[in-house]
Amino acid sequence: MTTQAELENQIAALIESIVFTKVTPDQPLLESGLIDSVTTVEVMLAVEAHFHCTIPATEVAIHLESVRTMAAYIAARQ
């Protein structure tokens, strides 16, 4: 079983590989502009491939708020 911290590290690494910038667990991703509409799609596809977890399009803004919120969503579905 993966811990919350391990999951957050995996998600952060995945996002960092897309945006080429270090991210922290509580850093706002969408609100800060770090992730835009194009990179949002890339992140969603990478999350789906890596974690076998789909985030509904209507909930992306909620769950992609930060690494921590995404980790909580994925953990609840694994």
N, C-alpha and C. Protein backbone atom coordinates (compact mmCIF):
# COMPACT_ATOMS: atom_id res chain seq x y z
N MET A 1 0.85 -1.19 0.00
CA MET A 1 0.00 0.00 0.00
C MET A 1 0.89 1.25 0.00
N THR A 2 0.57 2.15 -0.87
CA THR A 2 1.32 3.40 -1.00
C THR A 2 0.84 4.41 0.03
N THR A 3 1.79 5.07 0.71
CA THR A 3 1.43 6.10 1.67
C THR A 3 1.05 7.39 0.94
N GLN A 4 0.40 8.28 1.65
CA GLN A 4 0.01 9.58 1.08
C GLN A 4 1.25 10.33 0.59
N ALA A 5 2.32 10.32 1.38
CA ALA A 5 3.54 11.03 1.01
C ALA A 5 4.17 10.43 -0.24
N GLU A 6 4.18 9.10 -0.35
CA GLU A 6 4.73 8.45 -1.54
C GLU A 6 3.90 8.78 -2.77
N LEU A 7 2.59 8.77 -2.61
CA LEU A 7 1.70 9.10 -3.70
C LEU A 7 1.91 10.55 -4.15
N GLU A 8 2.03 11.45 -3.19
CA GLU A 8 2.29 12.85 -3.51
C GLU A 8 3.61 13.01 -4.26
N ASN A 9 4.64 12.26 -3.84
CA ASN A 9 5.94 12.33 -4.52
C ASN A 9 5.83 11.82 -5.95
N GLN A 10 5.08 10.75 -6.16
CA GLN A 10 4.90 10.19 -7.50
C GLN A 10 4.16 11.18 -8.40
N ILE A 11 3.11 11.79 -7.87
CA ILE A 11 2.33 12.76 -8.65
C ILE A 11 3.17 14.00 -8.95
N ALA A 12 3.90 14.48 -7.95
CA ALA A 12 4.76 15.65 -8.16
C ALA A 12 5.79 15.36 -9.26
N ALA A 13 6.40 14.18 -9.22
CA ALA A 13 7.39 13.82 -10.24
C ALA A 13 6.75 13.75 -11.63
N LEU A 14 5.56 13.22 -11.69
CA LEU A 14 4.83 13.12 -12.96
C LEU A 14 4.55 14.53 -13.51
N ILE A 15 4.05 15.42 -12.66
CA ILE A 15 3.75 16.80 -13.09
C ILE A 15 5.04 17.53 -13.47
N GLU A 16 6.09 17.34 -12.67
CA GLU A 16 7.37 18.01 -12.95
C GLU A 16 7.93 17.57 -14.30
N SER A 17 7.69 16.33 -14.69
CA SER A 17 8.19 15.84 -15.99
C SER A 17 7.44 16.50 -17.15
N ILE A 18 6.27 17.03 -16.87
CA ILE A 18 5.46 17.70 -17.90
C ILE A 18 5.72 19.19 -17.94
N VAL A 19 5.81 19.83 -16.77
CA VAL A 19 5.97 21.29 -16.74
C VAL A 19 7.41 21.75 -16.54
N PHE A 20 8.32 20.79 -16.27
CA PHE A 20 9.74 21.09 -16.09
C PHE A 20 10.01 22.10 -14.99
N THR A 21 9.21 22.03 -13.94
CA THR A 21 9.34 22.91 -12.79
C THR A 21 9.05 22.11 -11.53
N LYS A 22 9.77 22.38 -10.46
CA LYS A 22 9.55 21.71 -9.18
C LYS A 22 8.19 22.14 -8.62
N VAL A 23 7.43 21.18 -8.10
CA VAL A 23 6.14 21.50 -7.47
C VAL A 23 6.12 20.93 -6.06
N THR A 24 5.40 21.60 -5.19
CA THR A 24 5.24 21.14 -3.81
C THR A 24 3.81 20.63 -3.62
N PRO A 25 3.56 19.84 -2.58
CA PRO A 25 2.23 19.25 -2.40
C PRO A 25 1.08 20.24 -2.33
N ASP A 26 1.28 21.41 -1.74
CA ASP A 26 0.19 22.37 -1.58
C ASP A 26 0.21 23.51 -2.59
N GLN A 27 1.14 23.49 -3.51
CA GLN A 27 1.24 24.56 -4.51
C GLN A 27 0.02 24.55 -5.43
N PRO A 28 -0.64 25.69 -5.57
CA PRO A 28 -1.78 25.76 -6.50
C PRO A 28 -1.29 25.52 -7.92
N LEU A 29 -1.89 24.58 -8.62
CA LEU A 29 -1.43 24.24 -9.96
C LEU A 29 -2.17 25.04 -11.03
N LEU A 30 -3.47 25.03 -10.99
CA LEU A 30 -4.26 25.75 -11.99
C LEU A 30 -4.31 27.24 -11.69
N GLU A 31 -4.59 27.56 -10.44
CA GLU A 31 -4.75 28.96 -10.02
C GLU A 31 -3.48 29.78 -10.27
N SER A 32 -2.31 29.14 -10.09
CA SER A 32 -1.04 29.84 -10.27
C SER A 32 -0.65 29.97 -11.74
N GLY A 33 -1.33 29.21 -12.60
CA GLY A 33 -0.99 29.22 -14.02
C GLY A 33 0.13 28.25 -14.36
N LEU A 34 0.60 27.48 -13.38
CA LEU A 34 1.64 26.49 -13.63
C LEU A 34 1.16 25.46 -14.66
N ILE A 35 -0.11 25.10 -14.56
CA ILE A 35 -0.71 24.16 -15.51
C ILE A 35 -1.80 24.90 -16.27
N ASP A 36 -1.71 24.87 -17.60
CA ASP A 36 -2.72 25.50 -18.43
C ASP A 36 -3.60 24.42 -19.06
N SER A 37 -4.44 24.79 -19.99
CA SER A 37 -5.39 23.84 -20.57
C SER A 37 -4.69 22.69 -21.29
N VAL A 38 -3.59 22.98 -21.96
CA VAL A 38 -2.87 21.93 -22.69
C VAL A 38 -2.17 20.98 -21.72
N THR A 39 -1.47 21.54 -20.73
CA THR A 39 -0.77 20.67 -19.78
C THR A 39 -1.75 19.95 -18.87
N THR A 40 -2.93 20.50 -18.67
CA THR A 40 -3.95 19.79 -17.89
C THR A 40 -4.29 18.47 -18.56
N VAL A 41 -4.46 18.50 -19.87
CA VAL A 41 -4.76 17.28 -20.61
C VAL A 41 -3.60 16.29 -20.49
N GLU A 42 -2.37 16.78 -20.61
CA GLU A 42 -1.20 15.93 -20.49
C GLU A 42 -1.14 15.28 -19.10
N VAL A 43 -1.39 16.07 -18.07
CA VAL A 43 -1.38 15.54 -16.70
C VAL A 43 -2.47 14.49 -16.52
N MET A 44 -3.66 14.78 -17.01
CA MET A 44 -4.77 13.82 -16.87
C MET A 44 -4.46 12.50 -17.58
N LEU A 45 -3.88 12.57 -18.76
CA LEU A 45 -3.51 11.35 -19.49
C LEU A 45 -2.41 10.58 -18.76
N ALA A 46 -1.45 11.30 -18.21
CA ALA A 46 -0.36 10.65 -17.47
C ALA A 46 -0.88 10.00 -16.19
N VAL A 47 -1.78 10.68 -15.48
CA VAL A 47 -2.37 10.12 -14.26
C VAL A 47 -3.16 8.86 -14.60
N GLU A 48 -3.91 8.91 -15.67
CA GLU A 48 -4.71 7.76 -16.09
C GLU A 48 -3.80 6.58 -16.43
N ALA A 49 -2.72 6.84 -17.15
CA ALA A 49 -1.80 5.77 -17.55
C ALA A 49 -1.04 5.21 -16.35
N HIS A 50 -0.59 6.08 -15.47
CA HIS A 50 0.24 5.65 -14.34
C HIS A 50 -0.57 5.03 -13.19
N PHE A 51 -1.69 5.65 -12.86
CA PHE A 51 -2.46 5.23 -11.69
C PHE A 51 -3.75 4.50 -12.04
N HIS A 52 -4.06 4.39 -13.33
CA HIS A 52 -5.30 3.73 -13.78
C HIS A 52 -6.52 4.34 -13.09
N CYS A 53 -6.51 5.67 -13.06
CA CYS A 53 -7.57 6.42 -12.39
C CYS A 53 -7.97 7.59 -13.28
N THR A 54 -9.23 7.67 -13.62
CA THR A 54 -9.72 8.73 -14.48
C THR A 54 -10.40 9.81 -13.64
N ILE A 55 -10.05 11.04 -13.91
CA ILE A 55 -10.71 12.16 -13.25
C ILE A 55 -11.73 12.71 -14.24
N PRO A 56 -13.00 12.71 -13.87
CA PRO A 56 -14.03 13.23 -14.78
C PRO A 56 -13.74 14.68 -15.18
N ALA A 57 -13.99 15.01 -16.43
CA ALA A 57 -13.70 16.36 -16.94
C ALA A 57 -14.37 17.45 -16.10
N THR A 58 -15.55 17.14 -15.57
CA THR A 58 -16.27 18.14 -14.77
C THR A 58 -15.65 18.35 -13.39
N GLU A 59 -14.70 17.48 -13.00
CA GLU A 59 -14.09 17.57 -11.67
C GLU A 59 -12.61 17.91 -11.71
N VAL A 60 -12.07 18.15 -12.89
CA VAL A 60 -10.63 18.41 -13.02
C VAL A 60 -10.20 19.60 -12.17
N ALA A 61 -10.93 20.70 -12.22
CA ALA A 61 -10.54 21.90 -11.46
C ALA A 61 -10.49 21.64 -9.96
N ILE A 62 -11.33 20.74 -9.48
CA ILE A 62 -11.36 20.40 -8.06
C ILE A 62 -10.16 19.56 -7.67
N HIS A 63 -9.92 18.49 -8.42
CA HIS A 63 -8.90 17.52 -8.04
C HIS A 63 -7.50 17.89 -8.51
N LEU A 64 -7.39 18.81 -9.45
CA LEU A 64 -6.08 19.25 -9.91
C LEU A 64 -5.68 20.57 -9.25
N GLU A 65 -6.33 20.88 -8.16
CA GLU A 65 -6.01 22.11 -7.43
C GLU A 65 -4.56 22.10 -6.96
N SER A 66 -4.10 20.93 -6.46
CA SER A 66 -2.72 20.78 -5.99
C SER A 66 -2.34 19.31 -6.07
N VAL A 67 -1.08 19.04 -5.84
CA VAL A 67 -0.61 17.64 -5.79
C VAL A 67 -1.35 16.91 -4.67
N ARG A 68 -1.52 17.57 -3.54
CA ARG A 68 -2.17 16.93 -2.39
C ARG A 68 -3.63 16.57 -2.69
N THR A 69 -4.38 17.46 -3.35
CA THR A 69 -5.78 17.14 -3.65
C THR A 69 -5.87 16.01 -4.67
N MET A 70 -4.93 15.98 -5.61
CA MET A 70 -4.92 14.90 -6.59
C MET A 70 -4.57 13.57 -5.91
N ALA A 71 -3.62 13.59 -4.99
CA ALA A 71 -3.24 12.38 -4.27
C ALA A 71 -4.41 11.84 -3.46
N ALA A 72 -5.16 12.72 -2.84
CA ALA A 72 -6.31 12.28 -2.05
C ALA A 72 -7.36 11.64 -2.94
N TYR A 73 -7.58 12.21 -4.12
CA TYR A 73 -8.56 11.65 -5.07
C TYR A 73 -8.12 10.27 -5.53
N ILE A 74 -6.85 10.15 -5.90
CA ILE A 74 -6.35 8.86 -6.39
C ILE A 74 -6.36 7.82 -5.28
N ALA A 75 -5.94 8.20 -4.08
CA ALA A 75 -5.91 7.27 -2.95
C ALA A 75 -7.31 6.73 -2.65
N ALA A 76 -8.31 7.56 -2.78
CA ALA A 76 -9.69 7.15 -2.49
C ALA A 76 -10.21 6.16 -3.54
N ARG A 77 -9.55 6.08 -4.68
CA ARG A 77 -10.03 5.21 -5.75
C ARG A 77 -9.13 4.00 -5.99
N GLN A 78 -8.13 3.81 -5.16
CA GLN A 78 -7.24 2.65 -5.33
C GLN A 78 -7.56 1.56 -4.34
